[in-house]
Amino acid sequence: MPEEEFHTSASKPESVAPGAARAAANEALKDGPRGALVIAACAVGLLFAAWLLFYFVLFMSRGHVG
């Protein structure tokens, strides 16, 4: 029989979602951190690419200053 956890912190019992078995929850959350890291890496990569674009297009086009 799967282990279920029930939470009663809501004001109405019908507003509480039914509990999930621990194995099912672990299976669903197995790839969560990897996906978050992929999304964060893509965001940082796009930010870095935009910074390089600004650097080479705006600042390098002015030439040597000084």
PDB file of N, CA and C in Angstrom:
ATOM      1  N   MET A   1       0.844  -1.175   0.000  1.00  0.00           N
ATOM      2  CA  MET A   1       0.000   0.000   0.000  1.00  0.00           C
ATOM      3  C   MET A   1       0.893   1.244   0.000  1.00  0.00           C
ATOM      4  N   PRO A   2       0.660   2.208  -0.933  1.00  0.00           N
ATOM      5  CA  PRO A   2       1.526   3.387  -0.997  1.00  0.00           C
ATOM      6  C   PRO A   2       1.310   4.302   0.201  1.00  0.00           C
ATOM      7  N   GLU A   3       2.398   4.934   0.568  1.00  0.00           N
ATOM      8  CA  GLU A   3       2.351   5.870   1.691  1.00  0.00           C
ATOM      9  C   GLU A   3       1.772   7.190   1.199  1.00  0.00           C
ATOM     10  N   GLU A   4       0.786   7.734   1.882  1.00  0.00           N
ATOM     11  CA  GLU A   4       0.197   9.002   1.487  1.00  0.00           C
ATOM     12  C   GLU A   4       0.330   9.986   2.624  1.00  0.00           C
ATOM     13  N   GLU A   5       0.550  11.252   2.262  1.00  0.00           N
ATOM     14  CA  GLU A   5       0.652  12.310   3.259  1.00  0.00           C
ATOM     15  C   GLU A   5      -0.524  13.256   3.055  1.00  0.00           C
ATOM     16  N   PHE A   6      -1.186  13.600   4.117  1.00  0.00           N
ATOM     17  CA  PHE A   6      -2.316  14.506   4.048  1.00  0.00           C
ATOM     18  C   PHE A   6      -1.985  15.763   4.844  1.00  0.00           C
ATOM     19  N   HIS A   7      -2.352  16.905   4.302  1.00  0.00           N
ATOM     20  CA  HIS A   7      -2.102  18.183   4.961  1.00  0.00           C
ATOM     21  C   HIS A   7      -3.433  18.822   5.314  1.00  0.00           C
ATOM     22  N   THR A   8      -3.527  19.360   6.482  1.00  0.00           N
ATOM     23  CA  THR A   8      -4.779  19.981   6.924  1.00  0.00           C
ATOM     24  C   THR A   8      -4.563  21.441   7.286  1.00  0.00           C
ATOM     25  N   SER A   9      -3.674  22.126   6.573  1.00  0.00           N
ATOM     26  CA  SER A   9      -3.402  23.519   6.899  1.00  0.00           C
ATOM     27  C   SER A   9      -4.392  24.481   6.249  1.00  0.00           C
ATOM     28  N   ALA A  10      -5.233  24.011   5.326  1.00  0.00           N
ATOM     29  CA  ALA A  10      -6.209  24.867   4.673  1.00  0.00           C
ATOM     30  C   ALA A  10      -7.426  25.048   5.569  1.00  0.00           C
ATOM     31  N   SER A  11      -8.154  26.121   5.317  1.00  0.00           N
ATOM     32  CA  SER A  11      -9.326  26.380   6.146  1.00  0.00           C
ATOM     33  C   SER A  11     -10.472  25.416   5.839  1.00  0.00           C
ATOM     34  N   LYS A  12     -10.568  24.940   4.583  1.00  0.00           N
ATOM     35  CA  LYS A  12     -11.609  23.991   4.216  1.00  0.00           C
ATOM     36  C   LYS A  12     -10.956  22.701   3.745  1.00  0.00           C
ATOM     37  N   PRO A  13     -11.403  21.562   4.219  1.00  0.00           N
ATOM     38  CA  PRO A  13     -10.796  20.294   3.792  1.00  0.00           C
ATOM     39  C   PRO A  13     -10.935  20.032   2.295  1.00  0.00           C
ATOM     40  N   GLU A  14     -11.995  20.556   1.646  1.00  0.00           N
ATOM     41  CA  GLU A  14     -12.165  20.294   0.214  1.00  0.00           C
ATOM     42  C   GLU A  14     -11.191  21.106  -0.646  1.00  0.00           C
ATOM     43  N   SER A  15     -10.514  22.104  -0.061  1.00  0.00           N
ATOM     44  CA  SER A  15      -9.543  22.883  -0.832  1.00  0.00           C
ATOM     45  C   SER A  15      -8.141  22.290  -0.773  1.00  0.00           C
ATOM     46  N   VAL A  16      -7.991  21.171  -0.102  1.00  0.00           N
ATOM     47  CA  VAL A  16      -6.698  20.502  -0.008  1.00  0.00           C
ATOM     48  C   VAL A  16      -6.616  19.430  -1.092  1.00  0.00           C
ATOM     49  N   ALA A  17      -5.520  19.443  -1.845  1.00  0.00           N
ATOM     50  CA  ALA A  17      -5.334  18.451  -2.899  1.00  0.00           C
ATOM     51  C   ALA A  17      -5.122  17.073  -2.274  1.00  0.00           C
ATOM     52  N   PRO A  18      -5.556  16.039  -2.953  1.00  0.00           N
ATOM     53  CA  PRO A  18      -5.325  14.696  -2.414  1.00  0.00           C
ATOM     54  C   PRO A  18      -3.829  14.391  -2.364  1.00  0.00           C
ATOM     55  N   GLY A  19      -3.436  13.626  -1.391  1.00  0.00           N
ATOM     56  CA  GLY A  19      -2.029  13.291  -1.211  1.00  0.00           C
ATOM     57  C   GLY A  19      -1.506  12.396  -2.327  1.00  0.00           C
ATOM     58  N   ALA A  20      -0.230  12.521  -2.604  1.00  0.00           N
ATOM     59  CA  ALA A  20       0.414  11.684  -3.622  1.00  0.00           C
ATOM     60  C   ALA A  20       1.323  10.692  -2.926  1.00  0.00           C
ATOM     61  N   ALA A  21       1.459   9.546  -3.519  1.00  0.00           N
ATOM     62  CA  ALA A  21       2.369   8.549  -2.964  1.00  0.00           C
ATOM     63  C   ALA A  21       3.794   9.076  -3.070  1.00  0.00           C
ATOM     64  N   ARG A  22       4.631   8.749  -2.117  1.00  0.00           N
ATOM     65  CA  ARG A  22       6.002   9.258  -2.084  1.00  0.00           C
ATOM     66  C   ARG A  22       6.781   8.854  -3.335  1.00  0.00           C
ATOM     67  N   ALA A  23       6.594   7.628  -3.805  1.00  0.00           N
ATOM     68  CA  ALA A  23       7.311   7.175  -4.999  1.00  0.00           C
ATOM     69  C   ALA A  23       6.870   7.960  -6.234  1.00  0.00           C
ATOM     70  N   ALA A  24       5.580   8.230  -6.342  1.00  0.00           N
ATOM     71  CA  ALA A  24       5.079   8.988  -7.489  1.00  0.00           C
ATOM     72  C   ALA A  24       5.598  10.425  -7.461  1.00  0.00           C
ATOM     73  N   ALA A  25       5.659  11.018  -6.282  1.00  0.00           N
ATOM     74  CA  ALA A  25       6.179  12.379  -6.164  1.00  0.00           C
ATOM     75  C   ALA A  25       7.663  12.426  -6.504  1.00  0.00           C
ATOM     76  N   ASN A  26       8.419  11.447  -6.026  1.00  0.00           N
ATOM     77  CA  ASN A  26       9.850  11.407  -6.345  1.00  0.00           C
ATOM     78  C   ASN A  26      10.081  11.224  -7.836  1.00  0.00           C
ATOM     79  N   GLU A  27       9.267  10.405  -8.482  1.00  0.00           N
ATOM     80  CA  GLU A  27       9.398  10.191  -9.927  1.00  0.00           C
ATOM     81  C   GLU A  27       9.080  11.470 -10.700  1.00  0.00           C
ATOM     82  N   ALA A  28       8.064  12.205 -10.264  1.00  0.00           N
ATOM     83  CA  ALA A  28       7.679  13.434 -10.952  1.00  0.00           C
ATOM     84  C   ALA A  28       8.724  14.528 -10.774  1.00  0.00           C
ATOM     85  N   LEU A  29       9.393  14.569  -9.641  1.00  0.00           N
ATOM     86  CA  LEU A  29      10.370  15.614  -9.354  1.00  0.00           C
ATOM     87  C   LEU A  29      11.800  15.218  -9.705  1.00  0.00           C
ATOM     88  N   LYS A  30      11.983  14.077 -10.333  1.00  0.00           N
ATOM     89  CA  LYS A  30      13.317  13.553 -10.605  1.00  0.00           C
ATOM     90  C   LYS A  30      14.141  14.496 -11.481  1.00  0.00           C
ATOM     91  N   ASP A  31      13.559  15.066 -12.520  1.00  0.00           N
ATOM     92  CA  ASP A  31      14.301  15.902 -13.456  1.00  0.00           C
ATOM     93  C   ASP A  31      14.103  17.393 -13.208  1.00  0.00           C
ATOM     94  N   GLY A  32      13.536  17.775 -12.101  1.00  0.00           N
ATOM     95  CA  GLY A  32      13.282  19.184 -11.821  1.00  0.00           C
ATOM     96  C   GLY A  32      14.525  20.044 -11.765  1.00  0.00           C
ATOM     97  N   PRO A  33      15.530  19.693 -10.978  1.00  0.00           N
ATOM     98  CA  PRO A  33      16.718  20.545 -10.904  1.00  0.00           C
ATOM     99  C   PRO A  33      17.471  20.637 -12.229  1.00  0.00           C
ATOM    100  N   ARG A  34      17.505  19.565 -13.000  1.00  0.00           N
ATOM    101  CA  ARG A  34      18.212  19.598 -14.279  1.00  0.00           C
ATOM    102  C   ARG A  34      17.540  20.576 -15.233  1.00  0.00           C
ATOM    103  N   GLY A  35      16.218  20.567 -15.267  1.00  0.00           N
ATOM    104  CA  GLY A  35      15.498  21.494 -16.139  1.00  0.00           C
ATOM    105  C   GLY A  35      15.702  22.940 -15.723  1.00  0.00           C
ATOM    106  N   ALA A  36      15.732  23.200 -14.430  1.00  0.00           N
ATOM    107  CA  ALA A  36      15.963  24.561 -13.943  1.00  0.00           C
ATOM    108  C   ALA A  36      17.364  25.030 -14.307  1.00  0.00           C
ATOM    109  N   LEU A  37      18.334  24.147 -14.231  1.00  0.00           N
ATOM    110  CA  LEU A  37      19.696  24.519 -14.603  1.00  0.00           C
ATOM    111  C   LEU A  37      19.813  24.796 -16.101  1.00  0.00           C
ATOM    112  N   VAL A  38      19.110  24.042 -16.916  1.00  0.00           N
ATOM    113  CA  VAL A  38      19.130  24.285 -18.363  1.00  0.00           C
ATOM    114  C   VAL A  38      18.519  25.640 -18.679  1.00  0.00           C
ATOM    115  N   ILE A  39      17.400  25.962 -18.054  1.00  0.00           N
ATOM    116  CA  ILE A  39      16.753  27.253 -18.296  1.00  0.00           C
ATOM    117  C   ILE A  39      17.643  28.396 -17.812  1.00  0.00           C
ATOM    118  N   ALA A  40      18.261  28.246 -16.648  1.00  0.00           N
ATOM    119  CA  ALA A  40      19.151  29.290 -16.135  1.00  0.00           C
ATOM    120  C   ALA A  40      20.369  29.461 -17.034  1.00  0.00           C
ATOM    121  N   ALA A  41      20.934  28.364 -17.532  1.00  0.00           N
ATOM    122  CA  ALA A  41      22.094  28.456 -18.415  1.00  0.00           C
ATOM    123  C   ALA A  41      21.733  29.156 -19.727  1.00  0.00           C
ATOM    124  N   CYS A  42      20.559  28.869 -20.257  1.00  0.00           N
ATOM    125  CA  CYS A  42      20.112  29.548 -21.484  1.00  0.00           C
ATOM    126  C   CYS A  42      19.940  31.041 -21.244  1.00  0.00           C
ATOM    127  N   ALA A  43      19.364  31.414 -20.118  1.00  0.00           N
ATOM    128  CA  ALA A  43      19.164  32.831 -19.805  1.00  0.00           C
ATOM    129  C   ALA A  43      20.500  33.549 -19.654  1.00  0.00           C
ATOM    130  N   VAL A  44      21.446  32.940 -18.965  1.00  0.00           N
ATOM    131  CA  VAL A  44      22.761  33.557 -18.787  1.00  0.00           C
ATOM    132  C   VAL A  44      23.490  33.641 -20.120  1.00  0.00           C
ATOM    133  N   GLY A  45      23.370  32.610 -20.946  1.00  0.00           N
ATOM    134  CA  GLY A  45      24.000  32.638 -22.263  1.00  0.00           C
ATOM    135  C   GLY A  45      23.443  33.747 -23.147  1.00  0.00           C
ATOM    136  N   LEU A  46      22.127  33.925 -23.137  1.00  0.00           N
ATOM    137  CA  LEU A  46      21.523  35.010 -23.918  1.00  0.00           C
ATOM    138  C   LEU A  46      21.942  36.375 -23.394  1.00  0.00           C
ATOM    139  N   LEU A  47      22.023  36.515 -22.088  1.00  0.00           N
ATOM    140  CA  LEU A  47      22.462  37.783 -21.494  1.00  0.00           C
ATOM    141  C   LEU A  47      23.905  38.088 -21.881  1.00  0.00           C
ATOM    142  N   PHE A  48      24.774  37.084 -21.841  1.00  0.00           N
ATOM    143  CA  PHE A  48      26.169  37.279 -22.218  1.00  0.00           C
ATOM    144  C   PHE A  48      26.297  37.615 -23.698  1.00  0.00           C
ATOM    145  N   ALA A  49      25.521  36.939 -24.549  1.00  0.00           N
ATOM    146  CA  ALA A  49      25.545  37.238 -25.983  1.00  0.00           C
ATOM    147  C   ALA A  49      25.078  38.667 -26.252  1.00  0.00           C
ATOM    148  N   ALA A  50      24.062  39.119 -25.543  1.00  0.00           N
ATOM    149  CA  ALA A  50      23.587  40.498 -25.705  1.00  0.00           C
ATOM    150  C   ALA A  50      24.654  41.488 -25.252  1.00  0.00           C
ATOM    151  N   TRP A  51      25.348  41.169 -24.173  1.00  0.00           N
ATOM    152  CA  TRP A  51      26.411  42.048 -23.693  1.00  0.00           C
ATOM    153  C   TRP A  51      27.525  42.145 -24.725  1.00  0.00           C
ATOM    154  N   LEU A  52      27.926  41.000 -25.316  1.00  0.00           N
ATOM    155  CA  LEU A  52      28.959  41.025 -26.348  1.00  0.00           C
ATOM    156  C   LEU A  52      28.508  41.833 -27.560  1.00  0.00           C
ATOM    157  N   LEU A  53      27.238  41.696 -27.934  1.00  0.00           N
ATOM    158  CA  LEU A  53      26.706  42.462 -29.059  1.00  0.00           C
ATOM    159  C   LEU A  53      26.806  43.956 -28.783  1.00  0.00           C
ATOM    160  N   PHE A  54      26.377  44.395 -27.599  1.00  0.00           N
ATOM    161  CA  PHE A  54      26.498  45.805 -27.243  1.00  0.00           C
ATOM    162  C   PHE A  54      27.955  46.249 -27.236  1.00  0.00           C
ATOM    163  N   TYR A  55      28.829  45.431 -26.719  1.00  0.00           N
ATOM    164  CA  TYR A  55      30.228  45.805 -26.628  1.00  0.00           C
ATOM    165  C   TYR A  55      30.834  46.019 -28.009  1.00  0.00           C
ATOM    166  N   PHE A  56      30.638  45.049 -28.897  1.00  0.00           N
ATOM    167  CA  PHE A  56      31.269  45.155 -30.205  1.00  0.00           C
ATOM    168  C   PHE A  56      30.575  46.153 -31.121  1.00  0.00           C
ATOM    169  N   VAL A  57      29.266  46.280 -31.042  1.00  0.00           N
ATOM    170  CA  VAL A  57      28.552  47.180 -31.943  1.00  0.00           C
ATOM    171  C   VAL A  57      28.627  48.628 -31.462  1.00  0.00           C
ATOM    172  N   LEU A  58      28.441  48.864 -30.188  1.00  0.00           N
ATOM    173  CA  LEU A  58      28.390  50.245 -29.697  1.00  0.00           C
ATOM    174  C   LEU A  58      29.755  50.784 -29.278  1.00  0.00           C
ATOM    175  N   PHE A  59      30.490  50.026 -28.498  1.00  0.00           N
ATOM    176  CA  PHE A  59      31.703  50.577 -27.924  1.00  0.00           C
ATOM    177  C   PHE A  59      32.915  50.443 -28.846  1.00  0.00           C
ATOM    178  N   MET A  60      33.053  49.350 -29.543  1.00  0.00           N
ATOM    179  CA  MET A  60      34.203  49.175 -30.428  1.00  0.00           C
ATOM    180  C   MET A  60      34.102  50.051 -31.672  1.00  0.00           C
ATOM    181  N   SER A  61      32.891  50.424 -32.057  1.00  0.00           N
ATOM    182  CA  SER A  61      32.729  51.265 -33.246  1.00  0.00           C
ATOM    183  C   SER A  61      33.189  52.698 -32.999  1.00  0.00           C
ATOM    184  N   ARG A  62      33.352  53.105 -31.763  1.00  0.00           N
ATOM    185  CA  ARG A  62      33.820  54.467 -31.470  1.00  0.00           C
ATOM    186  C   ARG A  62      35.315  54.607 -31.680  1.00  0.00           C
ATOM    187  N   GLY A  63      36.003  53.509 -31.642  1.00  0.00           N
ATOM    188  CA  GLY A  63      37.444  53.558 -31.843  1.00  0.00           C
ATOM    189  C   GLY A  63      38.172  53.813 -30.537  1.00  0.00           C
ATOM    190  N   HIS A  64      39.456  54.082 -30.668  1.00  0.00           N
ATOM    191  CA  HIS A  64      40.320  54.304 -29.493  1.00  0.00           C
ATOM    192  C   HIS A  64      40.020  55.672 -28.880  1.00  0.00           C
ATOM    193  N   VAL A  65      39.821  55.712 -27.579  1.00  0.00           N
ATOM    194  CA  VAL A  65      39.568  56.964 -26.866  1.00  0.00           C
ATOM    195  C   VAL A  65      40.750  57.231 -25.958  1.00  0.00           C
ATOM    196  N   GLY A  66      41.306  58.423 -26.039  1.00  0.00           N
ATOM    197  CA  GLY A  66      42.374  58.765 -25.104  1.00  0.00           C
ATOM    198  C   GLY A  66      43.648  59.112 -25.689  1.00  0.00           C
TER     199      GLY A  66
END
